[in-house]
Amino acid sequence: MAEIDLARLVAALRECAGDSDEYDLDGEILDIPFDELGYDSLALMELAAKLKQEDGVALSEEEVIEMTTPRLALRIINATREGVR
């Protein structure tokens, strides 16, 4: 299985929570906190549900809470997919 990359993460965010009013999601956003990007905890829960449905990634609530930036989200998502976490 291929890793989830930033492009897939951004596409899933846009699909379930819309575009950010704060930042261009196609720019350098890896280390910008999701709340600064305009995404709250509900948006991240929706993202987790979408990733589970479409990519088979089952994230716990604690893992979703840990996803504070896109970089951390990708690290957690891909570790979970690979069974590392």
PDB file of N, CA and C in Angstrom:
ATOM      1  N   MET A   1       0.827  -1.182   0.000  1.00  0.00           N
ATOM      2  CA  MET A   1       0.000   0.000   0.000  1.00  0.00           C
ATOM      3  C   MET A   1       0.874   1.250   0.000  1.00  0.00           C
ATOM      4  N   ALA A   2       0.566   2.189  -0.867  1.00  0.00           N
ATOM      5  CA  ALA A   2       1.325   3.432  -0.936  1.00  0.00           C
ATOM      6  C   ALA A   2       0.974   4.330   0.252  1.00  0.00           C
ATOM      7  N   GLU A   3       1.958   5.111   0.650  1.00  0.00           N
ATOM      8  CA  GLU A   3       1.729   6.054   1.748  1.00  0.00           C
ATOM      9  C   GLU A   3       0.748   7.136   1.335  1.00  0.00           C
ATOM     10  N   ILE A   4       0.053   7.650   2.331  1.00  0.00           N
ATOM     11  CA  ILE A   4      -0.771   8.839   2.121  1.00  0.00           C
ATOM     12  C   ILE A   4       0.199  10.009   2.050  1.00  0.00           C
ATOM     13  N   ASP A   5       0.092  10.829   1.012  1.00  0.00           N
ATOM     14  CA  ASP A   5       0.979  11.980   0.893  1.00  0.00           C
ATOM     15  C   ASP A   5       0.199  13.271   1.118  1.00  0.00           C
ATOM     16  N   LEU A   6       0.914  14.389   1.079  1.00  0.00           N
ATOM     17  CA  LEU A   6       0.281  15.680   1.355  1.00  0.00           C
ATOM     18  C   LEU A   6      -0.844  15.969   0.368  1.00  0.00           C
ATOM     19  N   ALA A   7      -0.651  15.632  -0.890  1.00  0.00           N
ATOM     20  CA  ALA A   7      -1.692  15.879  -1.896  1.00  0.00           C
ATOM     21  C   ALA A   7      -2.975  15.131  -1.546  1.00  0.00           C
ATOM     22  N   ARG A   8      -2.862  13.876  -1.125  1.00  0.00           N
ATOM     23  CA  ARG A   8      -4.044  13.086  -0.734  1.00  0.00           C
ATOM     24  C   ARG A   8      -4.684  13.655   0.516  1.00  0.00           C
ATOM     25  N   LEU A   9      -3.860  14.067   1.484  1.00  0.00           N
ATOM     26  CA  LEU A   9      -4.379  14.663   2.712  1.00  0.00           C
ATOM     27  C   LEU A   9      -5.151  15.940   2.403  1.00  0.00           C
ATOM     28  N   VAL A  10      -4.592  16.795   1.571  1.00  0.00           N
ATOM     29  CA  VAL A  10      -5.251  18.052   1.206  1.00  0.00           C
ATOM     30  C   VAL A  10      -6.546  17.774   0.444  1.00  0.00           C
ATOM     31  N   ALA A  11      -6.514  16.822  -0.468  1.00  0.00           N
ATOM     32  CA  ALA A  11      -7.728  16.480  -1.223  1.00  0.00           C
ATOM     33  C   ALA A  11      -8.825  15.996  -0.286  1.00  0.00           C
ATOM     34  N   ALA A  12      -8.467  15.146   0.682  1.00  0.00           N
ATOM     35  CA  ALA A  12      -9.454  14.646   1.647  1.00  0.00           C
ATOM     36  C   ALA A  12      -9.984  15.783   2.512  1.00  0.00           C
ATOM     37  N   LEU A  13      -9.119  16.687   2.944  1.00  0.00           N
ATOM     38  CA  LEU A  13      -9.567  17.848   3.733  1.00  0.00           C
ATOM     39  C   LEU A  13     -10.562  18.684   2.938  1.00  0.00           C
ATOM     40  N   ARG A  14     -10.223  18.947   1.685  1.00  0.00           N
ATOM     41  CA  ARG A  14     -11.112  19.756   0.833  1.00  0.00           C
ATOM     42  C   ARG A  14     -12.461  19.063   0.637  1.00  0.00           C
ATOM     43  N   GLU A  15     -12.439  17.752   0.451  1.00  0.00           N
ATOM     44  CA  GLU A  15     -13.677  17.002   0.220  1.00  0.00           C
ATOM     45  C   GLU A  15     -14.592  17.008   1.436  1.00  0.00           C
ATOM     46  N   CYS A  16     -14.023  16.895   2.621  1.00  0.00           N
ATOM     47  CA  CYS A  16     -14.879  16.762   3.799  1.00  0.00           C
ATOM     48  C   CYS A  16     -15.067  18.070   4.565  1.00  0.00           C
ATOM     49  N   ALA A  17     -14.170  19.049   4.381  1.00  0.00           N
ATOM     50  CA  ALA A  17     -14.286  20.280   5.177  1.00  0.00           C
ATOM     51  C   ALA A  17     -14.160  21.549   4.340  1.00  0.00           C
ATOM     52  N   GLY A  18     -13.956  21.422   3.055  1.00  0.00           N
ATOM     53  CA  GLY A  18     -13.854  22.602   2.200  1.00  0.00           C
ATOM     54  C   GLY A  18     -12.456  23.183   2.184  1.00  0.00           C
ATOM     55  N   ASP A  19     -12.286  24.206   1.366  1.00  0.00           N
ATOM     56  CA  ASP A  19     -10.998  24.889   1.268  1.00  0.00           C
ATOM     57  C   ASP A  19     -10.769  25.781   2.467  1.00  0.00           C
ATOM     58  N   SER A  20      -9.531  25.986   2.791  1.00  0.00           N
ATOM     59  CA  SER A  20      -9.160  26.879   3.883  1.00  0.00           C
ATOM     60  C   SER A  20      -9.377  28.328   3.458  1.00  0.00           C
ATOM     61  N   ASP A  21      -9.948  29.101   4.354  1.00  0.00           N
ATOM     62  CA  ASP A  21     -10.082  30.536   4.104  1.00  0.00           C
ATOM     63  C   ASP A  21      -8.815  31.267   4.542  1.00  0.00           C
ATOM     64  N   GLU A  22      -7.931  30.572   5.242  1.00  0.00           N
ATOM     65  CA  GLU A  22      -6.756  31.184   5.832  1.00  0.00           C
ATOM     66  C   GLU A  22      -5.505  31.043   4.952  1.00  0.00           C
ATOM     67  N   TYR A  23      -5.335  29.894   4.323  1.00  0.00           N
ATOM     68  CA  TYR A  23      -4.105  29.595   3.581  1.00  0.00           C
ATOM     69  C   TYR A  23      -4.421  28.914   2.266  1.00  0.00           C
ATOM     70  N   ASP A  24      -3.491  29.053   1.330  1.00  0.00           N
ATOM     71  CA  ASP A  24      -3.529  28.287   0.091  1.00  0.00           C
ATOM     72  C   ASP A  24      -3.009  26.890   0.427  1.00  0.00           C
ATOM     73  N   LEU A  25      -3.858  25.909   0.373  1.00  0.00           N
ATOM     74  CA  LEU A  25      -3.471  24.556   0.748  1.00  0.00           C
ATOM     75  C   LEU A  25      -2.457  23.935  -0.207  1.00  0.00           C
ATOM     76  N   ASP A  26      -2.222  24.577  -1.338  1.00  0.00           N
ATOM     77  CA  ASP A  26      -1.226  24.073  -2.278  1.00  0.00           C
ATOM     78  C   ASP A  26       0.160  24.626  -1.961  1.00  0.00           C
ATOM     79  N   GLY A  27       0.253  25.490  -0.947  1.00  0.00           N
ATOM     80  CA  GLY A  27       1.538  26.065  -0.558  1.00  0.00           C
ATOM     81  C   GLY A  27       2.238  25.215   0.487  1.00  0.00           C
ATOM     82  N   GLU A  28       3.216  25.806   1.147  1.00  0.00           N
ATOM     83  CA  GLU A  28       3.986  25.141   2.202  1.00  0.00           C
ATOM     84  C   GLU A  28       3.181  25.131   3.490  1.00  0.00           C
ATOM     85  N   ILE A  29       2.479  24.046   3.749  1.00  0.00           N
ATOM     86  CA  ILE A  29       1.598  23.986   4.925  1.00  0.00           C
ATOM     87  C   ILE A  29       1.958  22.883   5.907  1.00  0.00           C
ATOM     88  N   LEU A  30       3.009  22.135   5.650  1.00  0.00           N
ATOM     89  CA  LEU A  30       3.321  20.967   6.466  1.00  0.00           C
ATOM     90  C   LEU A  30       3.410  21.261   7.961  1.00  0.00           C
ATOM     91  N   ASP A  31       3.954  22.407   8.326  1.00  0.00           N
ATOM     92  CA  ASP A  31       4.167  22.703   9.741  1.00  0.00           C
ATOM     93  C   ASP A  31       3.240  23.777  10.292  1.00  0.00           C
ATOM     94  N   ILE A  32       2.204  24.125   9.550  1.00  0.00           N
ATOM     95  CA  ILE A  32       1.230  25.108  10.020  1.00  0.00           C
ATOM     96  C   ILE A  32       0.125  24.359  10.767  1.00  0.00           C
ATOM     97  N   PRO A  33      -0.143  24.747  12.010  1.00  0.00           N
ATOM     98  CA  PRO A  33      -1.200  24.060  12.775  1.00  0.00           C
ATOM     99  C   PRO A  33      -2.545  24.094  12.043  1.00  0.00           C
ATOM    100  N   PHE A  34      -3.283  22.996  12.166  1.00  0.00           N
ATOM    101  CA  PHE A  34      -4.583  22.910  11.500  1.00  0.00           C
ATOM    102  C   PHE A  34      -5.510  24.052  11.907  1.00  0.00           C
ATOM    103  N   ASP A  35      -5.469  24.468  13.175  1.00  0.00           N
ATOM    104  CA  ASP A  35      -6.361  25.557  13.584  1.00  0.00           C
ATOM    105  C   ASP A  35      -6.001  26.856  12.866  1.00  0.00           C
ATOM    106  N   GLU A  36      -4.717  27.077  12.580  1.00  0.00           N
ATOM    107  CA  GLU A  36      -4.318  28.260  11.812  1.00  0.00           C
ATOM    108  C   GLU A  36      -4.711  28.117  10.344  1.00  0.00           C
ATOM    109  N   LEU A  37      -4.794  26.889   9.876  1.00  0.00           N
ATOM    110  CA  LEU A  37      -5.231  26.641   8.502  1.00  0.00           C
ATOM    111  C   LEU A  37      -6.742  26.793   8.360  1.00  0.00           C
ATOM    112  N   GLY A  38      -7.434  26.863   9.501  1.00  0.00           N
ATOM    113  CA  GLY A  38      -8.881  27.031   9.470  1.00  0.00           C
ATOM    114  C   GLY A  38      -9.655  25.744   9.690  1.00  0.00           C
ATOM    115  N   TYR A  39      -8.987  24.698  10.166  1.00  0.00           N
ATOM    116  CA  TYR A  39      -9.646  23.422  10.400  1.00  0.00           C
ATOM    117  C   TYR A  39      -9.684  23.113  11.889  1.00  0.00           C
ATOM    118  N   ASP A  40     -10.885  22.873  12.396  1.00  0.00           N
ATOM    119  CA  ASP A  40     -11.058  22.579  13.814  1.00  0.00           C
ATOM    120  C   ASP A  40     -11.101  21.073  14.049  1.00  0.00           C
ATOM    121  N   SER A  41     -11.341  20.690  15.290  1.00  0.00           N
ATOM    122  CA  SER A  41     -11.337  19.272  15.643  1.00  0.00           C
ATOM    123  C   SER A  41     -12.435  18.497  14.911  1.00  0.00           C
ATOM    124  N   LEU A  42     -13.572  19.129  14.666  1.00  0.00           N
ATOM    125  CA  LEU A  42     -14.643  18.463  13.922  1.00  0.00           C
ATOM    126  C   LEU A  42     -14.189  18.149  12.497  1.00  0.00           C
ATOM    127  N   ALA A  43     -13.500  19.074  11.866  1.00  0.00           N
ATOM    128  CA  ALA A  43     -12.990  18.840  10.513  1.00  0.00           C
ATOM    129  C   ALA A  43     -12.005  17.679  10.502  1.00  0.00           C
ATOM    130  N   LEU A  44     -11.178  17.590  11.548  1.00  0.00           N
ATOM    131  CA  LEU A  44     -10.211  16.494  11.612  1.00  0.00           C
ATOM    132  C   LEU A  44     -10.898  15.158  11.870  1.00  0.00           C
ATOM    133  N   MET A  45     -11.971  15.160  12.639  1.00  0.00           N
ATOM    134  CA  MET A  45     -12.733  13.923  12.840  1.00  0.00           C
ATOM    135  C   MET A  45     -13.385  13.488  11.523  1.00  0.00           C
ATOM    136  N   GLU A  46     -13.886  14.452  10.759  1.00  0.00           N
ATOM    137  CA  GLU A  46     -14.457  14.142   9.447  1.00  0.00           C
ATOM    138  C   GLU A  46     -13.374  13.606   8.511  1.00  0.00           C
ATOM    139  N   LEU A  47     -12.188  14.195   8.594  1.00  0.00           N
ATOM    140  CA  LEU A  47     -11.065  13.706   7.801  1.00  0.00           C
ATOM    141  C   LEU A  47     -10.752  12.259   8.167  1.00  0.00           C
ATOM    142  N   ALA A  48     -10.702  11.964   9.456  1.00  0.00           N
ATOM    143  CA  ALA A  48     -10.417  10.598   9.908  1.00  0.00           C
ATOM    144  C   ALA A  48     -11.467   9.620   9.389  1.00  0.00           C
ATOM    145  N   ALA A  49     -12.738  10.026   9.420  1.00  0.00           N
ATOM    146  CA  ALA A  49     -13.811   9.153   8.924  1.00  0.00           C
ATOM    147  C   ALA A  49     -13.650   8.909   7.423  1.00  0.00           C
ATOM    148  N   LYS A  50     -13.287   9.939   6.686  1.00  0.00           N
ATOM    149  CA  LYS A  50     -13.091   9.814   5.242  1.00  0.00           C
ATOM    150  C   LYS A  50     -11.913   8.886   4.937  1.00  0.00           C
ATOM    151  N   LEU A  51     -10.816   9.047   5.677  1.00  0.00           N
ATOM    152  CA  LEU A  51      -9.656   8.189   5.453  1.00  0.00           C
ATOM    153  C   LEU A  51      -9.962   6.737   5.791  1.00  0.00           C
ATOM    154  N   LYS A  52     -10.782   6.524   6.806  1.00  0.00           N
ATOM    155  CA  LYS A  52     -11.166   5.158   7.149  1.00  0.00           C
ATOM    156  C   LYS A  52     -11.999   4.549   6.031  1.00  0.00           C
ATOM    157  N   GLN A  53     -12.974   5.310   5.552  1.00  0.00           N
ATOM    158  CA  GLN A  53     -13.873   4.814   4.518  1.00  0.00           C
ATOM    159  C   GLN A  53     -13.149   4.580   3.193  1.00  0.00           C
ATOM    160  N   GLU A  54     -12.315   5.510   2.792  1.00  0.00           N
ATOM    161  CA  GLU A  54     -11.719   5.440   1.460  1.00  0.00           C
ATOM    162  C   GLU A  54     -10.348   4.768   1.415  1.00  0.00           C
ATOM    163  N   ASP A  55      -9.598   4.851   2.517  1.00  0.00           N
ATOM    164  CA  ASP A  55      -8.235   4.330   2.498  1.00  0.00           C
ATOM    165  C   ASP A  55      -7.989   3.228   3.523  1.00  0.00           C
ATOM    166  N   GLY A  56      -9.006   2.903   4.316  1.00  0.00           N
ATOM    167  CA  GLY A  56      -8.856   1.848   5.298  1.00  0.00           C
ATOM    168  C   GLY A  56      -8.004   2.205   6.499  1.00  0.00           C
ATOM    169  N   VAL A  57      -7.816   3.498   6.752  1.00  0.00           N
ATOM    170  CA  VAL A  57      -7.001   3.955   7.880  1.00  0.00           C
ATOM    171  C   VAL A  57      -7.916   4.196   9.081  1.00  0.00           C
ATOM    172  N   ALA A  58      -7.787   3.370  10.102  1.00  0.00           N
ATOM    173  CA  ALA A  58      -8.620   3.490  11.299  1.00  0.00           C
ATOM    174  C   ALA A  58      -7.834   4.212  12.389  1.00  0.00           C
ATOM    175  N   LEU A  59      -8.144   5.495  12.558  1.00  0.00           N
ATOM    176  CA  LEU A  59      -7.465   6.321  13.555  1.00  0.00           C
ATOM    177  C   LEU A  59      -8.297   6.392  14.829  1.00  0.00           C
ATOM    178  N   SER A  60      -7.622   6.308  15.956  1.00  0.00           N
ATOM    179  CA  SER A  60      -8.315   6.484  17.234  1.00  0.00           C
ATOM    180  C   SER A  60      -8.541   7.968  17.481  1.00  0.00           C
ATOM    181  N   GLU A  61      -9.419   8.268  18.422  1.00  0.00           N
ATOM    182  CA  GLU A  61      -9.671   9.661  18.776  1.00  0.00           C
ATOM    183  C   GLU A  61      -8.385  10.326  19.276  1.00  0.00           C
ATOM    184  N   GLU A  62      -7.595   9.578  20.044  1.00  0.00           N
ATOM    185  CA  GLU A  62      -6.329  10.111  20.559  1.00  0.00           C
ATOM    186  C   GLU A  62      -5.374  10.450  19.418  1.00  0.00           C
ATOM    187  N   GLU A  63      -5.328   9.600  18.401  1.00  0.00           N
ATOM    188  CA  GLU A  63      -4.464   9.868  17.253  1.00  0.00           C
ATOM    189  C   GLU A  63      -4.919  11.115  16.510  1.00  0.00           C
ATOM    190  N   VAL A  64      -6.216  11.287  16.364  1.00  0.00           N
ATOM    191  CA  VAL A  64      -6.735  12.480  15.693  1.00  0.00           C
ATOM    192  C   VAL A  64      -6.366  13.730  16.487  1.00  0.00           C
ATOM    193  N   ILE A  65      -6.453  13.662  17.804  1.00  0.00           N
ATOM    194  CA  ILE A  65      -6.094  14.801  18.658  1.00  0.00           C
ATOM    195  C   ILE A  65      -4.614  15.144  18.500  1.00  0.00           C
ATOM    196  N   GLU A  66      -3.760  14.131  18.324  1.00  0.00           N
ATOM    197  CA  GLU A  66      -2.325  14.344  18.145  1.00  0.00           C
ATOM    198  C   GLU A  66      -1.991  15.002  16.812  1.00  0.00           C
ATOM    199  N   MET A  67      -2.901  14.942  15.853  1.00  0.00           N
ATOM    200  CA  MET A  67      -2.645  15.486  14.515  1.00  0.00           C
ATOM    201  C   MET A  67      -2.836  17.007  14.536  1.00  0.00           C
ATOM    202  N   THR A  68      -1.808  17.716  14.942  1.00  0.00           N
ATOM    203  CA  THR A  68      -1.923  19.169  15.063  1.00  0.00           C
ATOM    204  C   THR A  68      -1.450  19.916  13.829  1.00  0.00           C
ATOM    205  N   THR A  69      -0.638  19.269  13.007  1.00  0.00           N
ATOM    206  CA  THR A  69      -0.162  19.858  11.755  1.00  0.00           C
ATOM    207  C   THR A  69      -0.272  18.799  10.655  1.00  0.00           C
ATOM    208  N   PRO A  70      -0.255  19.213   9.402  1.00  0.00           N
ATOM    209  CA  PRO A  70      -0.256  18.221   8.329  1.00  0.00           C
ATOM    210  C   PRO A  70       0.917  17.250   8.422  1.00  0.00           C
ATOM    211  N   ARG A  71       2.108  17.719   8.806  1.00  0.00           N
ATOM    212  CA  ARG A  71       3.259  16.821   8.919  1.00  0.00           C
ATOM    213  C   ARG A  71       2.995  15.728   9.962  1.00  0.00           C
ATOM    214  N   LEU A  72       2.502  16.132  11.140  1.00  0.00           N
ATOM    215  CA  LEU A  72       2.185  15.146  12.178  1.00  0.00           C
ATOM    216  C   LEU A  72       1.060  14.228  11.734  1.00  0.00           C
ATOM    217  N   ALA A  73       0.074  14.778  11.045  1.00  0.00           N
ATOM    218  CA  ALA A  73      -1.036  13.961  10.553  1.00  0.00           C
ATOM    219  C   ALA A  73      -0.525  12.880   9.614  1.00  0.00           C
ATOM    220  N   LEU A  74       0.340  13.250   8.679  1.00  0.00           N
ATOM    221  CA  LEU A  74       0.885  12.269   7.744  1.00  0.00           C
ATOM    222  C   LEU A  74       1.698  11.208   8.463  1.00  0.00           C
ATOM    223  N   ARG A  75       2.474  11.621   9.444  1.00  0.00           N
ATOM    224  CA  ARG A  75       3.281  10.669  10.207  1.00  0.00           C
ATOM    225  C   ARG A  75       2.380   9.664  10.934  1.00  0.00           C
ATOM    226  N   ILE A  76       1.333  10.174  11.592  1.00  0.00           N
ATOM    227  CA  ILE A  76       0.419   9.310  12.346  1.00  0.00           C
ATOM    228  C   ILE A  76      -0.384   8.415  11.403  1.00  0.00           C
ATOM    229  N   ILE A  77      -0.922   8.997  10.345  1.00  0.00           N
ATOM    230  CA  ILE A  77      -1.734   8.241   9.394  1.00  0.00           C
ATOM    231  C   ILE A  77      -0.918   7.098   8.774  1.00  0.00           C
ATOM    232  N   ASN A  78       0.284   7.406   8.315  1.00  0.00           N
ATOM    233  CA  ASN A  78       1.087   6.383   7.653  1.00  0.00           C
ATOM    234  C   ASN A  78       1.614   5.337   8.637  1.00  0.00           C
ATOM    235  N   ALA A  79       1.923   5.730   9.857  1.00  0.00           N
ATOM    236  CA  ALA A  79       2.348   4.757  10.864  1.00  0.00           C
ATOM    237  C   ALA A  79       1.182   3.827  11.198  1.00  0.00           C
ATOM    238  N   THR A  80      -0.024   4.372  11.283  1.00  0.00           N
ATOM    239  CA  THR A  80      -1.204   3.571  11.561  1.00  0.00           C
ATOM    240  C   THR A  80      -1.482   2.590  10.420  1.00  0.00           C
ATOM    241  N   ARG A  81      -1.331   3.052   9.206  1.00  0.00           N
ATOM    242  CA  ARG A  81      -1.537   2.193   8.025  1.00  0.00           C
ATOM    243  C   ARG A  81      -0.564   1.029   8.009  1.00  0.00           C
ATOM    244  N   GLU A  82       0.643   1.291   8.455  1.00  0.00           N
ATOM    245  CA  GLU A  82       1.681   0.268   8.425  1.00  0.00           C
ATOM    246  C   GLU A  82       1.674  -0.588   9.692  1.00  0.00           C
ATOM    247  N   GLY A  83       0.768  -0.292  10.619  1.00  0.00           N
ATOM    248  CA  GLY A  83       0.665  -1.071  11.840  1.00  0.00           C
ATOM    249  C   GLY A  83       1.767  -0.796  12.839  1.00  0.00           C
ATOM    250  N   VAL A  84       2.430   0.350  12.699  1.00  0.00           N
ATOM    251  CA  VAL A  84       3.531   0.703  13.577  1.00  0.00           C
ATOM    252  C   VAL A  84       3.016   1.225  14.909  1.00  0.00           C
ATOM    253  N   ARG A  85       1.901   1.895  14.898  1.00  0.00           N
ATOM    254  CA  ARG A  85       1.348   2.495  16.113  1.00  0.00           C
ATOM    255  C   ARG A  85       0.507   1.502  16.844  1.00  0.00           C
TER     256      ARG A  85
END
